């Protein structure tokens, strides 16, 4: 039983040490966030439905991608 008590005491001490390290990490993170100018609020793009493209914009993007793929396929058939 003495061994078990010693192990439990050691684990408790390790937990205390780890909690202290976590507190230190939280402080460092808070300082870095403050320095970076970040706040806890998400950007407008992170909101659900906050950033939508119009159908015309999606079609322009799709057409440009089709054109790029056509160019790639054209090069691969020439070789």
PDB file of N, CA and C in Angstrom:
ATOM      1  N   UNK A   1       0.805  -1.197   0.000  1.00  0.00           N
ATOM      2  CA  UNK A   1       0.000   0.000   0.000  1.00  0.00           C
ATOM      3  C   UNK A   1       0.848   1.261   0.000  1.00  0.00           C
ATOM      4  N   UNK A   2       2.003   1.174   0.632  1.00  0.00           N
ATOM      5  CA  UNK A   2       2.875   2.341   0.702  1.00  0.00           C
ATOM      6  C   UNK A   2       3.313   2.756  -0.691  1.00  0.00           C
ATOM      7  N   UNK A   3       3.541   1.758  -1.560  1.00  0.00           N
ATOM      8  CA  UNK A   3       3.942   2.050  -2.934  1.00  0.00           C
ATOM      9  C   UNK A   3       2.818   2.770  -3.675  1.00  0.00           C
ATOM     10  N   UNK A   4       1.608   2.318  -3.459  1.00  0.00           N
ATOM     11  CA  UNK A   4       0.465   2.940  -4.116  1.00  0.00           C
ATOM     12  C   UNK A   4       0.284   4.381  -3.647  1.00  0.00           C
ATOM     13  N   UNK A   5       0.461   4.624  -2.371  1.00  0.00           N
ATOM     14  CA  UNK A   5       0.357   5.985  -1.837  1.00  0.00           C
ATOM     15  C   UNK A   5       1.428   6.885  -2.439  1.00  0.00           C
ATOM     16  N   UNK A   6       2.628   6.349  -2.585  1.00  0.00           N
ATOM     17  CA  UNK A   6       3.727   7.129  -3.166  1.00  0.00           C
ATOM     18  C   UNK A   6       3.435   7.455  -4.628  1.00  0.00           C
ATOM     19  N   UNK A   7       2.902   6.483  -5.356  1.00  0.00           N
ATOM     20  CA  UNK A   7       2.573   6.699  -6.766  1.00  0.00           C
ATOM     21  C   UNK A   7       1.471   7.744  -6.886  1.00  0.00           C
ATOM     22  N   UNK A   8       0.448   7.652  -6.051  1.00  0.00           N
ATOM     23  CA  UNK A   8      -0.635   8.628  -6.080  1.00  0.00           C
ATOM     24  C   UNK A   8      -0.130  10.029  -5.771  1.00  0.00           C
ATOM     25  N   UNK A   9       0.744  10.146  -4.786  1.00  0.00           N
ATOM     26  CA  UNK A   9       1.301  11.449  -4.428  1.00  0.00           C
ATOM     27  C   UNK A   9       2.134  12.015  -5.578  1.00  0.00           C
ATOM     28  N   UNK A  10       2.889  11.147  -6.214  1.00  0.00           N
ATOM     29  CA  UNK A  10       3.705  11.583  -7.356  1.00  0.00           C
ATOM     30  C   UNK A  10       2.808  12.054  -8.508  1.00  0.00           C
ATOM     31  N   UNK A  11       1.732  11.337  -8.753  1.00  0.00           N
ATOM     32  CA  UNK A  11       0.801  11.731  -9.817  1.00  0.00           C
ATOM     33  C   UNK A  11       0.136  13.070  -9.507  1.00  0.00           C
ATOM     34  N   UNK A  12      -0.217  13.294  -8.249  1.00  0.00           N
ATOM     35  CA  UNK A  12      -0.814  14.568  -7.858  1.00  0.00           C
ATOM     36  C   UNK A  12       0.158  15.717  -8.066  1.00  0.00           C
ATOM     37  N   UNK A  13       1.432  15.486  -7.707  1.00  0.00           N
ATOM     38  CA  UNK A  13       2.443  16.521  -7.913  1.00  0.00           C
ATOM     39  C   UNK A  13       2.640  16.804  -9.406  1.00  0.00           C
ATOM     40  N   UNK A  14       2.648  15.759 -10.203  1.00  0.00           N
ATOM     41  CA  UNK A  14       2.796  15.920 -11.652  1.00  0.00           C
ATOM     42  C   UNK A  14       1.627  16.701 -12.229  1.00  0.00           C
ATOM     43  N   UNK A  15       0.430  16.414 -11.717  1.00  0.00           N
ATOM     44  CA  UNK A  15      -0.756  17.139 -12.176  1.00  0.00           C
ATOM     45  C   UNK A  15      -0.651  18.627 -11.837  1.00  0.00           C
ATOM     46  N   UNK A  16      -0.222  18.947 -10.633  1.00  0.00           N
ATOM     47  CA  UNK A  16      -0.059  20.343 -10.236  1.00  0.00           C
ATOM     48  C   UNK A  16       0.942  21.052 -11.141  1.00  0.00           C
ATOM     49  N   UNK A  17       2.067  20.381 -11.425  1.00  0.00           N
ATOM     50  CA  UNK A  17       3.095  20.958 -12.271  1.00  0.00           C
ATOM     51  C   UNK A  17       2.550  21.203 -13.676  1.00  0.00           C
ATOM     52  N   UNK A  18       1.829  20.230 -14.191  1.00  0.00           N
ATOM     53  CA  UNK A  18       1.262  20.342 -15.536  1.00  0.00           C
ATOM     54  C   UNK A  18       0.226  21.461 -15.591  1.00  0.00           C
ATOM     55  N   UNK A  19      -0.600  21.582 -14.570  1.00  0.00           N
ATOM     56  CA  UNK A  19      -1.583  22.666 -14.529  1.00  0.00           C
ATOM     57  C   UNK A  19      -0.890  24.024 -14.539  1.00  0.00           C
ATOM     58  N   UNK A  20       0.224  24.127 -13.813  1.00  0.00           N
ATOM     59  CA  UNK A  20       0.992  25.370 -13.817  1.00  0.00           C
ATOM     60  C   UNK A  20       1.530  25.684 -15.211  1.00  0.00           C
ATOM     61  N   UNK A  21       2.013  24.655 -15.903  1.00  0.00           N
ATOM     62  CA  UNK A  21       2.517  24.854 -17.263  1.00  0.00           C
ATOM     63  C   UNK A  21       1.395  25.289 -18.199  1.00  0.00           C
ATOM     64  N   UNK A  22       0.223  24.697 -18.025  1.00  0.00           N
ATOM     65  CA  UNK A  22      -0.918  25.078 -18.858  1.00  0.00           C
ATOM     66  C   UNK A  22      -1.322  26.529 -18.618  1.00  0.00           C
ATOM     67  N   UNK A  23      -1.288  26.960 -17.379  1.00  0.00           N
ATOM     68  CA  UNK A  23      -1.591  28.362 -17.076  1.00  0.00           C
ATOM     69  C   UNK A  23      -0.590  29.287 -17.761  1.00  0.00           C
ATOM     70  N   UNK A  24       0.685  28.901 -17.722  1.00  0.00           N
ATOM     71  CA  UNK A  24       1.719  29.700 -18.381  1.00  0.00           C
ATOM     72  C   UNK A  24       1.460  29.760 -19.889  1.00  0.00           C
ATOM     73  N   UNK A  25       1.117  28.618 -20.487  1.00  0.00           N
ATOM     74  CA  UNK A  25       0.826  28.585 -21.924  1.00  0.00           C
ATOM     75  C   UNK A  25      -0.369  29.460 -22.262  1.00  0.00           C
ATOM     76  N   UNK A  26      -1.387  29.433 -21.416  1.00  0.00           N
ATOM     77  CA  UNK A  26      -2.558  30.280 -21.639  1.00  0.00           C
ATOM     78  C   UNK A  26      -2.177  31.755 -21.621  1.00  0.00           C
ATOM     79  N   UNK A  27      -1.283  32.131 -20.699  1.00  0.00           N
ATOM     80  CA  UNK A  27      -0.833  33.520 -20.640  1.00  0.00           C
ATOM     81  C   UNK A  27      -0.082  33.906 -21.907  1.00  0.00           C
ATOM     82  N   UNK A  28       0.803  33.031 -22.360  1.00  0.00           N
ATOM     83  CA  UNK A  28       1.581  33.309 -23.572  1.00  0.00           C
ATOM     84  C   UNK A  28       0.663  33.432 -24.773  1.00  0.00           C
ATOM     85  N   UNK A  29      -0.296  32.534 -24.879  1.00  0.00           N
ATOM     86  CA  UNK A  29      -1.249  32.576 -25.995  1.00  0.00           C
ATOM     87  C   UNK A  29      -2.033  33.879 -25.965  1.00  0.00           C
ATOM     88  N   UNK A  30      -2.467  34.280 -24.793  1.00  0.00           N
ATOM     89  CA  UNK A  30      -3.237  35.521 -24.673  1.00  0.00           C
ATOM     90  C   UNK A  30      -2.414  36.719 -25.125  1.00  0.00           C
ATOM     91  N   UNK A  31      -1.142  36.749 -24.749  1.00  0.00           N
ATOM     92  CA  UNK A  31      -0.279  37.856 -25.156  1.00  0.00           C
ATOM     93  C   UNK A  31      -0.091  37.853 -26.670  1.00  0.00           C
ATOM     94  N   UNK A  32       0.144  36.670 -27.253  1.00  0.00           N
ATOM     95  CA  UNK A  32       0.339  36.585 -28.704  1.00  0.00           C
ATOM     96  C   UNK A  32      -0.912  36.986 -29.471  1.00  0.00           C
ATOM     97  N   UNK A  33      -2.062  36.582 -28.970  1.00  0.00           N
ATOM     98  CA  UNK A  33      -3.320  36.952 -29.615  1.00  0.00           C
ATOM     99  C   UNK A  33      -3.502  38.461 -29.560  1.00  0.00           C
ATOM    100  N   UNK A  34      -3.191  39.036 -28.434  1.00  0.00           N
ATOM    101  CA  UNK A  34      -3.317  40.485 -28.281  1.00  0.00           C
ATOM    102  C   UNK A  34      -2.345  41.206 -29.216  1.00  0.00           C
ATOM    103  N   UNK A  35      -1.123  40.714 -29.306  1.00  0.00           N
ATOM    104  CA  UNK A  35      -0.126  41.330 -30.180  1.00  0.00           C
ATOM    105  C   UNK A  35      -0.521  41.224 -31.648  1.00  0.00           C
ATOM    106  N   UNK A  36      -1.145  40.122 -32.013  1.00  0.00           N
ATOM    107  CA  UNK A  36      -1.536  39.912 -33.400  1.00  0.00           C
ATOM    108  C   UNK A  36      -2.796  40.697 -33.748  1.00  0.00           C
ATOM    109  N   UNK A  37      -3.426  41.282 -32.744  1.00  0.00           N
ATOM    110  CA  UNK A  37      -4.634  42.062 -32.991  1.00  0.00           C
ATOM    111  C   UNK A  37      -5.860  41.201 -33.202  1.00  0.00           C
ATOM    112  N   UNK A  38      -5.760  39.959 -32.819  1.00  0.00           N
ATOM    113  CA  UNK A  38      -6.905  39.064 -32.971  1.00  0.00           C
ATOM    114  C   UNK A  38      -7.840  39.256 -31.791  1.00  0.00           C
ATOM    115  N   UNK A  39      -9.096  39.118 -32.075  1.00  0.00           N
ATOM    116  CA  UNK A  39     -10.065  39.130 -30.987  1.00  0.00           C
ATOM    117  C   UNK A  39     -10.780  37.795 -30.994  1.00  0.00           C
ATOM    118  N   UNK A  40     -11.644  37.603 -30.068  1.00  0.00           N
ATOM    119  CA  UNK A  40     -12.368  36.350 -30.001  1.00  0.00           C
ATOM    120  C   UNK A  40     -13.499  36.250 -31.000  1.00  0.00           C
ATOM    121  N   UNK A  41     -13.737  37.321 -31.768  1.00  0.00           N
ATOM    122  CA  UNK A  41     -14.848  37.290 -32.709  1.00  0.00           C
ATOM    123  C   UNK A  41     -14.402  36.719 -34.049  1.00  0.00           C
ATOM    124  N   UNK A  42     -15.210  35.856 -34.623  1.00  0.00           N
ATOM    125  CA  UNK A  42     -14.844  35.290 -35.917  1.00  0.00           C
ATOM    126  C   UNK A  42     -14.993  36.324 -37.024  1.00  0.00           C
ATOM    127  N   UNK A  43     -14.289  36.103 -38.099  1.00  0.00           N
ATOM    128  CA  UNK A  43     -14.400  37.023 -39.221  1.00  0.00           C
ATOM    129  C   UNK A  43     -15.742  36.825 -39.916  1.00  0.00           C
ATOM    130  N   UNK A  44     -16.078  37.731 -40.788  1.00  0.00           N
ATOM    131  CA  UNK A  44     -17.367  37.620 -41.457  1.00  0.00           C
ATOM    132  C   UNK A  44     -17.417  36.413 -42.378  1.00  0.00           C
ATOM    133  N   UNK A  45     -16.255  35.925 -42.801  1.00  0.00           N
ATOM    134  CA  UNK A  45     -16.225  34.747 -43.665  1.00  0.00           C
ATOM    135  C   UNK A  45     -16.429  33.468 -42.886  1.00  0.00           C
ATOM    136  N   UNK A  46     -16.236  33.501 -41.597  1.00  0.00           N
ATOM    137  CA  UNK A  46     -16.390  32.312 -40.777  1.00  0.00           C
ATOM    138  C   UNK A  46     -17.842  32.069 -40.391  1.00  0.00           C
ATOM    139  N   UNK A  47     -18.675  33.081 -40.564  1.00  0.00           N
ATOM    140  CA  UNK A  47     -20.076  32.917 -40.201  1.00  0.00           C
ATOM    141  C   UNK A  47     -20.758  31.981 -41.205  1.00  0.00           C
ATOM    142  N   UNK A  48     -21.681  31.181 -40.739  1.00  0.00           N
ATOM    143  CA  UNK A  48     -22.420  30.345 -41.680  1.00  0.00           C
ATOM    144  C   UNK A  48     -23.216  31.232 -42.630  1.00  0.00           C
ATOM    145  N   UNK A  49     -23.004  31.045 -43.896  1.00  0.00           N
ATOM    146  CA  UNK A  49     -23.731  31.825 -44.889  1.00  0.00           C
ATOM    147  C   UNK A  49     -23.262  33.254 -44.996  1.00  0.00           C
ATOM    148  N   UNK A  50     -22.121  33.593 -44.430  1.00  0.00           N
ATOM    149  CA  UNK A  50     -21.664  34.967 -44.425  1.00  0.00           C
ATOM    150  C   UNK A  50     -21.033  35.419 -45.728  1.00  0.00           C
ATOM    151  N   UNK A  51     -20.577  34.484 -46.560  1.00  0.00           N
ATOM    152  CA  UNK A  51     -19.876  34.866 -47.776  1.00  0.00           C
ATOM    153  C   UNK A  51     -20.403  33.997 -48.914  1.00  0.00           C
ATOM    154  N   UNK A  52     -21.161  34.599 -49.783  1.00  0.00           N
ATOM    155  CA  UNK A  52     -21.732  33.839 -50.889  1.00  0.00           C
ATOM    156  C   UNK A  52     -21.408  34.520 -52.194  1.00  0.00           C
ATOM    157  N   UNK A  53     -21.152  33.699 -53.190  1.00  0.00           N
ATOM    158  CA  UNK A  53     -20.911  34.217 -54.526  1.00  0.00           C
ATOM    159  C   UNK A  53     -22.217  34.219 -55.301  1.00  0.00           C
ATOM    160  N   UNK A  54     -22.327  35.173 -56.198  1.00  0.00           N
ATOM    161  CA  UNK A  54     -23.511  35.185 -57.055  1.00  0.00           C
ATOM    162  C   UNK A  54     -23.378  34.054 -58.077  1.00  0.00           C
ATOM    163  N   UNK A  55     -24.475  33.718 -58.704  1.00  0.00           N
ATOM    164  CA  UNK A  55     -24.456  32.670 -59.726  1.00  0.00           C
ATOM    165  C   UNK A  55     -23.540  33.076 -60.875  1.00  0.00           C
ATOM    166  N   UNK A  56     -23.553  34.350 -61.229  1.00  0.00           N
ATOM    167  CA  UNK A  56     -22.706  34.823 -62.326  1.00  0.00           C
ATOM    168  C   UNK A  56     -21.223  34.681 -61.962  1.00  0.00           C
ATOM    169  N   UNK A  57     -20.882  34.993 -60.729  1.00  0.00           N
ATOM    170  CA  UNK A  57     -19.491  34.864 -60.293  1.00  0.00           C
ATOM    171  C   UNK A  57     -19.063  33.405 -60.298  1.00  0.00           C
ATOM    172  N   UNK A  58     -19.927  32.513 -59.805  1.00  0.00           N
ATOM    173  CA  UNK A  58     -19.607  31.080 -59.828  1.00  0.00           C
ATOM    174  C   UNK A  58     -19.408  30.600 -61.248  1.00  0.00           C
ATOM    175  N   UNK A  59     -20.233  31.066 -62.184  1.00  0.00           N
ATOM    176  CA  UNK A  59     -20.104  30.653 -63.580  1.00  0.00           C
ATOM    177  C   UNK A  59     -18.801  31.162 -64.184  1.00  0.00           C
ATOM    178  N   UNK A  60     -18.414  32.404 -63.861  1.00  0.00           N
ATOM    179  CA  UNK A  60     -17.139  32.931 -64.365  1.00  0.00           C
ATOM    180  C   UNK A  60     -15.966  32.107 -63.852  1.00  0.00           C
ATOM    181  N   UNK A  61     -16.013  31.752 -62.577  1.00  0.00           N
ATOM    182  CA  UNK A  61     -14.945  30.939 -61.991  1.00  0.00           C
ATOM    183  C   UNK A  61     -14.908  29.568 -62.648  1.00  0.00           C
ATOM    184  N   UNK A  62     -16.077  28.974 -62.834  1.00  0.00           N
ATOM    185  CA  UNK A  62     -16.148  27.653 -63.457  1.00  0.00           C
ATOM    186  C   UNK A  62     -15.636  27.703 -64.893  1.00  0.00           C
ATOM    187  N   UNK A  63     -15.999  28.742 -65.631  1.00  0.00           N
ATOM    188  CA  UNK A  63     -15.546  28.875 -67.019  1.00  0.00           C
ATOM    189  C   UNK A  63     -14.027  29.025 -67.067  1.00  0.00           C
ATOM    190  N   UNK A  64     -13.475  29.804 -66.165  1.00  0.00           N
ATOM    191  CA  UNK A  64     -12.025  29.980 -66.134  1.00  0.00           C
ATOM    192  C   UNK A  64     -11.332  28.659 -65.804  1.00  0.00           C
ATOM    193  N   UNK A  65     -11.911  27.888 -64.896  1.00  0.00           N
ATOM    194  CA  UNK A  65     -11.320  26.592 -64.549  1.00  0.00           C
ATOM    195  C   UNK A  65     -11.419  25.625 -65.720  1.00  0.00           C
ATOM    196  N   UNK A  66     -12.543  25.619 -66.418  1.00  0.00           N
ATOM    197  CA  UNK A  66     -12.671  24.754 -67.595  1.00  0.00           C
ATOM    198  C   UNK A  66     -11.624  25.113 -68.635  1.00  0.00           C
ATOM    199  N   UNK A  67     -11.394  26.414 -68.811  1.00  0.00           N
ATOM    200  CA  UNK A  67     -10.398  26.874 -69.771  1.00  0.00           C
ATOM    201  C   UNK A  67      -9.000  26.399 -69.363  1.00  0.00           C
ATOM    202  N   UNK A  68      -8.684  26.488 -68.053  1.00  0.00           N
ATOM    203  CA  UNK A  68      -7.373  26.020 -67.588  1.00  0.00           C
ATOM    204  C   UNK A  68      -7.213  24.523 -67.820  1.00  0.00           C
ATOM    205  N   UNK A  69      -8.259  23.749 -67.522  1.00  0.00           N
ATOM    206  CA  UNK A  69      -8.169  22.305 -67.728  1.00  0.00           C
ATOM    207  C   UNK A  69      -8.061  21.964 -69.207  1.00  0.00           C
ATOM    208  N   UNK A  70      -8.730  22.713 -70.066  1.00  0.00           N
ATOM    209  CA  UNK A  70      -8.632  22.470 -71.507  1.00  0.00           C
ATOM    210  C   UNK A  70      -7.192  22.676 -71.966  1.00  0.00           C
ATOM    211  N   UNK A  71      -6.545  23.702 -71.437  1.00  0.00           N
ATOM    212  CA  UNK A  71      -5.150  23.977 -71.789  1.00  0.00           C
ATOM    213  C   UNK A  71      -4.256  22.822 -71.340  1.00  0.00           C
ATOM    214  N   UNK A  72      -4.506  22.296 -70.133  1.00  0.00           N
ATOM    215  CA  UNK A  72      -3.711  21.170 -69.621  1.00  0.00           C
ATOM    216  C   UNK A  72      -3.915  19.946 -70.490  1.00  0.00           C
ATOM    217  N   UNK A  73      -5.176  19.652 -70.832  1.00  0.00           N
ATOM    218  CA  UNK A  73      -5.456  18.482 -71.672  1.00  0.00           C
ATOM    219  C   UNK A  73      -4.848  18.630 -73.052  1.00  0.00           C
ATOM    220  N   UNK A  74      -4.858  19.837 -73.591  1.00  0.00           N
ATOM    221  CA  UNK A  74      -4.277  20.102 -74.903  1.00  0.00           C
ATOM    222  C   UNK A  74      -2.772  19.813 -74.888  1.00  0.00           C
ATOM    223  N   UNK A  75      -2.092  20.263 -73.840  1.00  0.00           N
ATOM    224  CA  UNK A  75      -0.651  20.015 -73.733  1.00  0.00           C
ATOM    225  C   UNK A  75      -0.362  18.541 -73.592  1.00  0.00           C
ATOM    226  N   UNK A  76      -1.199  17.806 -72.860  1.00  0.00           N
ATOM    227  CA  UNK A  76      -0.925  16.379 -72.639  1.00  0.00           C
ATOM    228  C   UNK A  76      -1.156  15.559 -73.905  1.00  0.00           C
ATOM    229  N   UNK A  77      -2.046  15.982 -74.789  1.00  0.00           N
ATOM    230  CA  UNK A  77      -2.272  15.216 -76.023  1.00  0.00           C
ATOM    231  C   UNK A  77      -1.190  15.499 -77.062  1.00  0.00           C
ATOM    232  N   UNK A  78      -0.526  16.645 -76.972  1.00  0.00           N
ATOM    233  CA  UNK A  78       0.531  16.996 -77.917  1.00  0.00           C
ATOM    234  C   UNK A  78       1.807  16.217 -77.641  1.00  0.00           C
ATOM    235  N   UNK A  79       2.009  15.779 -76.436  1.00  0.00           N
ATOM    236  CA  UNK A  79       3.272  15.095 -76.090  1.00  0.00           C
ATOM    237  C   UNK A  79       3.228  13.646 -76.376  1.00  0.00           C
TER     238      UNK A  79
END
